Amino acid sequence: MATAKFEMSMYDGRWDFNIWSQKMRTILIQMKCAKALDNTWPAEMSAGKKTELEEIAWSTIFLYISDSVIRTIGETKTAEELWTKLKAQYEPKTIPNKCFLLKQFFSFKMDPSVDLDENLDRFTKLTQDLANCDEKLLEDQLAVVLLNSISDRYRDLKNALKYGRDNLTIDIIINTLRNKVLELKSDSINHQSGENLLLKGKNIENDRVLLLKSARFVPELERNLVSLGMLNDMEFDIKLGQGYIKIFRGTAVLDDNFNLAKLWHYRLGHIGEKGLKALQNKGIFGKSNIGNLTKCEQCLIGKQVKLPFPTSTHKSKQILEYLHADLWGPASTSTLSSYKYYLLIINDLSRKFWVFLLKTKDETFVTFKD
């Protein structure tokens, strides 16, 4: 009987036995001798044919294991004996091995230094190893462990999966992760292709425009964030001095309005200019002159006040005669049940109060009537 040559790695005891055993069984099936692994030959098969197939199965397995593995399992005479010893040695179902695998499974965390497919392969190997130890894991357990293994870098994604669905499966999590990876790759490609942002520079003689490539436009941001490291890679010159920072290329300056006074104003909880001058006179900032404090928008907004409410002269004599009500919202983050407002009602006489959660403002009057 002619035998075919199959390309398969030799098993040396250091990599996944489960994968190797599946490939070996497939080879034996193609060679019509897989029945030798559990000695389940058909009753009508002749003794000569059985012996021939048995020798083919034993020799095939033997040629695909390393010398160290052969020494470990010892001498064998049949394919069934050889297969049984391999499984006992490299796929043990002992209690210590099962405990070790369970500990690894429930503490599984994705490695951010490798790609998603490699992390999923590690997770799948753990589940297969547990299945080979006759440890049956529920679908919910698999989903929860995989969800908790996601890095906190994707906290928003985890929360969306955890709270945004009635049921959660392995397939849903994996598909969501793959879509997120594709989205990040797409953003990276767009970032490298160069979305442009024009920033005006200042020049002693005239105004120029500096073109910053690979800039991201975020409408919600009220301030522009510029990375000095990226500017340096783009061949901008950066000069730091006492009380100023200059970013320029050629003669065009990107920013020259930085001063120590505003820096210390921020650091000291928006201290006033008189306080800064007093600290400077005491030498707290060293010998350098921190300069004059420029306008601080946060201070202007924070010091805005409303007109006071007039003093009330009303005195209630009965319960529910006079009520105070306050509607607050919308909250930036809704509750788990999608409530974003609350209505506070206080009885003027007893000072008893009630708090009602609302999803929209138009529920206020109905809630008050109820």
Protein backbone atom coordinates (compact mmCIF):
# COMPACT_ATOMS: atom_id res chain seq x y z
CA MET A 1 0.00 0.00 0.00
CA ALA A 2 1.56 3.31 -1.04
CA THR A 3 1.69 6.07 1.55
CA ALA A 4 1.50 9.79 0.84
CA LYS A 5 3.83 12.37 2.34
CA PHE A 6 2.09 15.04 4.42
CA GLU A 7 3.62 18.35 5.49
CA MET A 8 3.25 18.54 9.27
CA SER A 9 5.46 19.77 12.10
CA MET A 10 7.05 17.21 14.39
CA TYR A 11 5.64 17.29 17.93
CA ASP A 12 8.32 18.02 20.52
CA GLY A 13 6.13 18.42 23.61
CA ARG A 14 6.46 22.22 23.72
CA TRP A 15 3.50 23.39 21.65
CA ASP A 16 -0.22 22.69 21.42
CA PHE A 17 -0.85 18.95 21.57
CA ASN A 18 -4.56 19.41 20.85
CA ILE A 19 -3.85 21.00 17.45
CA TRP A 20 -1.19 18.42 16.61
CA SER A 21 -3.45 15.50 17.57
CA GLN A 22 -6.28 16.79 15.36
CA LYS A 23 -3.93 17.10 12.39
CA MET A 24 -2.49 13.64 13.03
CA ARG A 25 -5.94 12.09 13.23
CA THR A 26 -6.81 13.77 9.90
CA ILE A 27 -3.72 12.25 8.28
CA LEU A 28 -4.61 8.80 9.58
CA ILE A 29 -8.18 9.19 8.28
CA GLN A 30 -6.85 9.95 4.80
CA MET A 31 -4.61 6.89 5.05
CA LYS A 32 -7.64 4.75 6.01
CA CYS A 33 -6.08 3.65 9.32
CA ALA A 34 -7.60 6.00 11.99
CA LYS A 35 -9.47 3.01 13.50
CA ALA A 36 -6.12 1.91 14.95
CA LEU A 37 -6.25 4.76 17.52
CA ASP A 38 -9.10 3.12 19.46
CA ASN A 39 -8.91 -0.40 17.99
CA THR A 40 -12.41 -0.31 16.49
CA TRP A 41 -11.82 -2.31 13.35
CA PRO A 42 -14.77 -3.74 11.39
CA ALA A 43 -15.51 -7.36 12.32
CA GLU A 44 -15.29 -8.50 8.69
CA MET A 45 -11.74 -7.11 8.22
CA SER A 46 -9.11 -9.80 7.76
CA ALA A 47 -6.27 -10.18 10.25
CA GLY A 48 -3.66 -9.46 7.58
CA LYS A 49 -5.32 -6.19 6.51
CA LYS A 50 -5.73 -5.13 10.14
CA THR A 51 -2.04 -5.77 10.86
CA GLU A 52 -0.99 -3.79 7.78
CA LEU A 53 -3.09 -0.73 8.70
CA GLU A 54 -2.00 -0.99 12.35
CA GLU A 55 1.67 -0.83 11.34
CA ILE A 56 0.99 2.16 9.04
CA ALA A 57 -0.78 4.06 11.84
CA TRP A 58 1.90 3.31 14.45
CA SER A 59 4.80 4.21 12.14
CA THR A 60 3.11 7.43 10.97
CA ILE A 61 2.60 8.70 14.51
CA PHE A 62 6.11 7.58 15.51
CA LEU A 63 7.75 9.52 12.66
CA TYR A 64 5.99 12.76 13.67
CA ILE A 65 7.20 12.88 17.31
CA SER A 66 10.65 14.03 18.44
CA ASP A 67 13.31 11.92 20.12
CA SER A 68 12.64 13.56 23.51
CA VAL A 69 8.95 12.64 23.30
CA ILE A 70 9.82 9.04 22.32
CA ARG A 71 12.09 8.76 25.38
CA THR A 72 9.35 10.21 27.60
CA ILE A 73 6.59 7.79 26.61
CA GLY A 74 8.81 4.71 26.37
CA GLU A 75 8.40 1.64 24.18
CA THR A 76 5.05 0.92 22.52
CA LYS A 77 3.87 -1.85 20.23
CA THR A 78 0.52 -0.61 18.86
CA ALA A 79 -0.89 2.67 17.61
CA GLU A 80 -3.57 2.60 20.32
CA GLU A 81 -0.94 2.22 23.06
CA LEU A 82 1.21 4.98 21.58
CA TRP A 83 -1.78 7.34 21.21
CA THR A 84 -3.00 6.68 24.76
CA LYS A 85 0.42 7.41 26.26
CA LEU A 86 0.74 10.65 24.28
CA LYS A 87 -2.65 11.88 25.49
CA ALA A 88 -1.90 10.91 29.09
CA GLN A 89 1.44 12.75 29.00
CA TYR A 90 0.53 15.91 27.09
CA GLU A 91 -3.23 16.19 27.62
CA PRO A 92 -3.59 15.26 31.30
CA LYS A 93 -7.03 15.35 32.94
CA THR A 94 -5.73 15.49 36.50
CA ILE A 95 -7.25 17.78 39.15
CA PRO A 96 -4.07 19.97 39.47
CA ASN A 97 -3.98 20.52 35.71
CA LYS A 98 -7.68 21.37 35.62
CA CYS A 99 -7.25 23.85 38.50
CA PHE A 100 -4.30 25.47 36.72
CA LEU A 101 -6.27 25.85 33.48
CA LEU A 102 -9.31 27.26 35.32
CA LYS A 103 -7.13 29.82 37.09
CA GLN A 104 -5.60 30.87 33.77
CA PHE A 105 -9.04 31.06 32.16
CA PHE A 106 -10.78 33.22 34.77
CA SER A 107 -7.78 35.56 35.05
CA PHE A 108 -7.32 35.84 31.28
CA LYS A 109 -6.43 39.34 30.04
CA MET A 110 -5.75 40.47 26.50
CA ASP A 111 -2.15 41.46 25.84
CA PRO A 112 -2.10 44.98 24.31
CA SER A 113 1.33 44.33 22.76
CA VAL A 114 -0.04 41.71 20.32
CA ASP A 115 -2.88 41.87 17.80
CA LEU A 116 -6.48 40.80 18.36
CA ASP A 117 -6.22 37.48 16.47
CA GLU A 118 -3.34 36.29 18.66
CA ASN A 119 -5.25 37.17 21.83
CA LEU A 120 -8.34 35.35 20.59
CA ASP A 121 -6.19 32.34 19.70
CA ARG A 122 -4.88 32.22 23.30
CA PHE A 123 -8.44 32.42 24.62
CA THR A 124 -9.65 29.65 22.29
CA LYS A 125 -6.74 27.40 23.29
CA LEU A 126 -7.66 27.78 26.97
CA THR A 127 -11.28 26.83 26.30
CA GLN A 128 -10.23 23.81 24.23
CA ASP A 129 -7.78 22.64 26.90
CA LEU A 130 -10.56 22.86 29.49
CA ALA A 131 -12.93 20.96 27.20
CA ASN A 132 -10.31 18.22 26.83
CA CYS A 133 -10.27 17.99 30.64
CA ASP A 134 -14.04 17.39 30.58
CA GLU A 135 -14.70 20.86 31.99
CA LYS A 136 -17.84 22.20 30.37
CA LEU A 137 -18.07 26.00 30.31
CA LEU A 138 -21.35 27.82 29.81
CA GLU A 139 -21.76 30.33 26.97
CA ASP A 140 -22.40 33.09 29.53
CA GLN A 141 -19.15 32.27 31.33
CA LEU A 142 -17.16 32.44 28.10
CA ALA A 143 -18.74 35.77 27.17
CA VAL A 144 -18.16 37.37 30.60
CA VAL A 145 -14.50 36.28 30.79
CA LEU A 146 -13.79 37.50 27.25
CA LEU A 147 -15.54 40.82 27.95
CA ASN A 148 -13.58 41.40 31.17
CA SER A 149 -10.33 40.59 29.39
CA ILE A 150 -10.66 43.68 27.15
CA SER A 151 -8.24 46.45 28.06
CA ASP A 152 -9.54 49.50 29.96
CA ARG A 153 -8.38 51.49 26.97
CA TYR A 154 -11.68 50.41 25.38
CA ARG A 155 -13.80 51.14 28.47
CA ASP A 156 -16.56 52.75 26.38
CA LEU A 157 -16.75 49.66 24.18
CA LYS A 158 -16.98 47.38 27.23
CA ASN A 159 -19.74 49.47 28.77
CA ALA A 160 -21.68 49.49 25.49
CA LEU A 161 -21.49 45.69 25.31
CA LYS A 162 -22.29 45.23 29.00
CA TYR A 163 -25.24 47.59 29.35
CA GLY A 164 -26.46 48.03 25.80
CA ARG A 165 -27.64 44.47 25.07
CA ASP A 166 -30.16 42.08 26.55
CA ASN A 167 -27.99 39.06 25.73
CA LEU A 168 -24.26 38.71 25.14
CA THR A 169 -22.46 35.99 23.20
CA ILE A 170 -18.90 35.25 22.16
CA ASP A 171 -19.69 36.02 18.52
CA ILE A 172 -21.11 39.45 19.37
CA ILE A 173 -18.00 40.39 21.38
CA ILE A 174 -15.57 39.14 18.74
CA ASN A 175 -17.39 40.87 15.88
CA THR A 176 -17.51 44.13 17.86
CA LEU A 177 -13.79 43.90 18.62
CA ARG A 178 -12.95 43.21 14.97
CA ASN A 179 -15.02 46.22 13.86
CA LYS A 180 -13.23 48.38 16.43
CA VAL A 181 -9.82 47.22 15.17
CA LEU A 182 -10.82 47.99 11.56
CA GLU A 183 -12.07 51.42 12.65
CA LEU A 184 -8.77 52.19 14.40
CA LYS A 185 -6.81 51.04 11.36
CA SER A 186 -8.96 53.23 9.12
CA ASP A 187 -8.40 56.22 11.41
CA SER A 188 -4.67 55.53 11.36
CA ILE A 189 -4.62 55.48 7.55
CA ASN A 190 -6.59 58.74 7.39
CA HIS A 191 -4.26 60.23 9.97
CA GLN A 192 -1.22 59.33 7.90
CA SER A 193 -2.79 60.52 4.63
CA GLY A 194 -2.92 64.01 6.08
CA GLU A 195 -6.05 65.87 7.05
CA ASN A 196 -4.83 69.44 7.22
CA LEU A 197 -5.38 72.20 9.75
CA LEU A 198 -4.31 75.79 9.08
CA LEU A 199 -2.92 77.70 12.05
CA LYS A 200 -1.92 81.33 11.76
CA GLY A 201 1.58 82.18 12.83
CA LYS A 202 2.97 85.53 13.93
CA ASN A 203 5.85 87.22 12.26
CA ILE A 204 7.60 90.50 13.00
CA GLU A 205 7.21 91.64 9.42
CA ASN A 206 3.98 90.02 8.26
CA ASP A 207 1.50 87.21 8.96
CA ARG A 208 2.16 83.78 7.54
CA VAL A 209 0.23 80.54 7.59
CA LEU A 210 1.84 77.33 8.90
CA LEU A 211 0.38 74.14 7.42
CA LEU A 212 0.20 71.31 9.98
CA LYS A 213 -0.44 67.95 8.32
CA SER A 214 -2.03 64.90 10.01
CA ALA A 215 -4.09 67.14 12.30
CA ARG A 216 -7.43 65.95 13.70
CA PHE A 217 -10.51 68.16 13.80
CA VAL A 218 -12.70 67.68 16.89
CA PRO A 219 -15.65 70.10 16.89
CA GLU A 220 -16.33 69.64 20.63
CA LEU A 221 -12.84 70.81 21.64
CA GLU A 222 -12.67 74.51 22.43
CA ARG A 223 -8.84 74.48 22.47
CA ASN A 224 -6.32 73.18 19.96
CA LEU A 225 -4.01 70.46 21.30
CA VAL A 226 -0.61 70.36 19.61
CA SER A 227 2.02 67.68 20.32
CA LEU A 228 5.57 69.03 20.58
CA GLY A 229 6.92 65.59 19.68
CA MET A 230 4.94 65.49 16.45
CA LEU A 231 5.97 69.07 15.60
CA ASN A 232 9.59 68.08 16.14
CA ASP A 233 9.14 65.13 13.76
CA MET A 234 7.68 67.60 11.23
CA GLU A 235 10.94 69.59 11.42
CA PHE A 236 9.57 72.49 13.47
CA ASP A 237 12.02 74.24 15.79
CA ILE A 238 10.99 74.52 19.43
CA LYS A 239 12.59 77.01 21.82
CA LEU A 240 11.86 77.14 25.55
CA GLY A 241 12.89 80.11 27.65
CA GLN A 242 12.08 81.85 30.91
CA GLY A 243 8.43 82.68 30.58
CA TYR A 244 7.88 81.78 26.93
CA ILE A 245 7.75 79.00 24.38
CA LYS A 246 8.27 79.45 20.64
CA ILE A 247 7.41 76.96 17.91
CA PHE A 248 8.58 78.02 14.48
CA ARG A 249 9.85 76.92 11.10
CA GLY A 250 11.90 79.53 9.30
CA THR A 251 10.70 82.90 10.57
CA ALA A 252 7.04 82.04 11.21
CA VAL A 253 6.17 81.67 14.89
CA LEU A 254 3.30 79.40 15.92
CA ASP A 255 2.87 80.58 19.51
CA ASP A 256 4.63 83.22 21.53
CA ASN A 257 1.96 84.21 24.06
CA PHE A 258 2.94 81.81 26.85
CA ASN A 259 4.06 83.40 30.13
CA LEU A 260 4.90 82.25 33.63
CA ALA A 261 2.26 84.45 35.22
CA LYS A 262 -0.58 82.50 33.65
CA LEU A 263 1.14 79.19 34.41
CA TRP A 264 1.41 80.01 38.13
CA HIS A 265 -2.12 81.44 38.04
CA TYR A 266 -3.38 78.00 36.92
CA ARG A 267 -1.14 76.08 39.32
CA LEU A 268 -2.25 78.10 42.37
CA GLY A 269 -5.97 77.70 41.81
CA HIS A 270 -6.50 80.85 39.71
CA ILE A 271 -4.87 83.17 42.22
CA GLY A 272 -5.27 86.90 41.53
CA GLU A 273 -2.61 89.21 40.10
CA LYS A 274 -2.00 90.89 43.47
CA GLY A 275 -1.33 87.51 45.05
CA LEU A 276 1.14 86.63 42.28
CA LYS A 277 2.97 89.93 42.77
CA ALA A 278 3.19 89.35 46.53
CA LEU A 279 4.66 85.88 46.00
CA GLN A 280 7.12 87.23 43.43
CA ASN A 281 8.29 89.95 45.87
CA LYS A 282 8.99 87.21 48.43
CA GLY A 283 11.17 85.35 45.90
CA ILE A 284 8.89 82.32 45.65
CA PHE A 285 9.39 82.14 41.87
CA GLY A 286 13.13 82.66 41.99
CA LYS A 287 14.89 85.56 40.34
CA SER A 288 12.95 85.39 37.09
CA ASN A 289 10.21 87.91 36.30
CA ILE A 290 6.94 86.06 35.70
CA GLY A 291 5.44 89.00 33.78
CA ASN A 292 1.90 90.34 33.81
CA LEU A 293 -1.18 88.19 34.09
CA THR A 294 -3.32 88.24 30.94
CA LYS A 295 -7.09 87.76 30.79
CA CYS A 296 -8.29 84.39 32.12
CA GLU A 297 -11.56 83.25 30.54
CA GLN A 298 -12.22 80.67 33.27
CA CYS A 299 -12.07 83.36 35.97
CA LEU A 300 -14.47 85.59 34.07
CA ILE A 301 -17.00 82.76 33.70
CA GLY A 302 -16.58 81.58 37.29
CA LYS A 303 -17.24 85.02 38.80
CA GLN A 304 -20.53 85.56 37.02
CA VAL A 305 -23.42 85.73 39.50
CA LYS A 306 -27.20 85.76 39.30
CA LEU A 307 -29.52 88.30 40.92
CA PRO A 308 -30.59 87.20 44.43
CA PHE A 309 -34.09 85.89 45.06
CA PRO A 310 -36.30 88.31 47.08
CA THR A 311 -36.98 87.38 50.71
CA SER A 312 -40.22 85.44 51.03
CA THR A 313 -42.83 86.49 53.64
CA HIS A 314 -45.27 83.62 53.03
CA LYS A 315 -45.94 81.22 55.91
CA SER A 316 -47.83 77.99 55.25
CA LYS A 317 -50.51 76.82 57.70
CA GLN A 318 -51.51 73.54 56.06
CA ILE A 319 -49.70 70.63 54.46
CA LEU A 320 -49.43 70.91 50.66
CA GLU A 321 -50.67 74.49 50.81
CA TYR A 322 -47.40 75.75 49.37
CA LEU A 323 -44.82 73.72 47.43
CA HIS A 324 -41.34 74.46 46.15
CA ALA A 325 -40.28 72.65 42.97
CA ASP A 326 -37.00 72.44 41.09
CA LEU A 327 -36.37 70.64 37.78
CA TRP A 328 -32.73 69.71 37.17
CA GLY A 329 -31.10 68.39 34.00
CA PRO A 330 -30.19 67.18 31.52
CA ALA A 331 -27.37 65.14 33.07
CA SER A 332 -24.35 64.51 30.86
CA THR A 333 -24.60 60.80 31.71
CA SER A 334 -27.98 59.10 31.96
CA THR A 335 -28.85 56.37 34.45
CA LEU A 336 -29.01 52.69 33.47
CA SER A 337 -32.75 53.21 32.82
CA SER A 338 -32.10 56.27 30.59
CA TYR A 339 -33.23 58.92 33.10
CA LYS A 340 -31.56 62.33 32.56
CA TYR A 341 -33.68 64.73 34.70
CA TYR A 342 -34.95 64.85 38.25
CA LEU A 343 -37.83 66.79 39.78
CA LEU A 344 -37.50 67.88 43.41
CA ILE A 345 -40.68 68.94 45.27
CA ILE A 346 -40.55 70.29 48.85
CA ASN A 347 -43.52 70.87 51.12
CA ASP A 348 -43.17 74.37 52.62
CA LEU A 349 -44.73 73.51 56.00
CA SER A 350 -43.24 70.11 56.86
CA ARG A 351 -40.14 70.36 54.65
CA LYS A 352 -40.81 66.84 53.43
CA PHE A 353 -39.48 66.36 49.92
CA TRP A 354 -39.98 64.01 46.99
CA VAL A 355 -37.55 63.23 44.17
CA PHE A 356 -38.82 61.95 40.82
CA LEU A 357 -36.60 60.73 37.96
CA LEU A 358 -37.61 61.82 34.45
CA LYS A 359 -36.46 60.78 31.00
CA THR A 360 -37.62 63.98 29.29
CA LYS A 361 -38.70 67.45 30.44
CA ASP A 362 -42.23 67.09 29.10
CA GLU A 363 -42.92 64.47 31.79
CA THR A 364 -42.75 67.17 34.50
CA PHE A 365 -46.40 68.25 34.63
CA VAL A 366 -47.75 64.69 34.40
CA THR A 367 -45.45 63.62 37.25
CA PHE A 368 -46.49 66.61 39.34
CA LYS A 369 -50.20 65.80 38.86
CA ASP A 370 -49.69 62.15 39.81
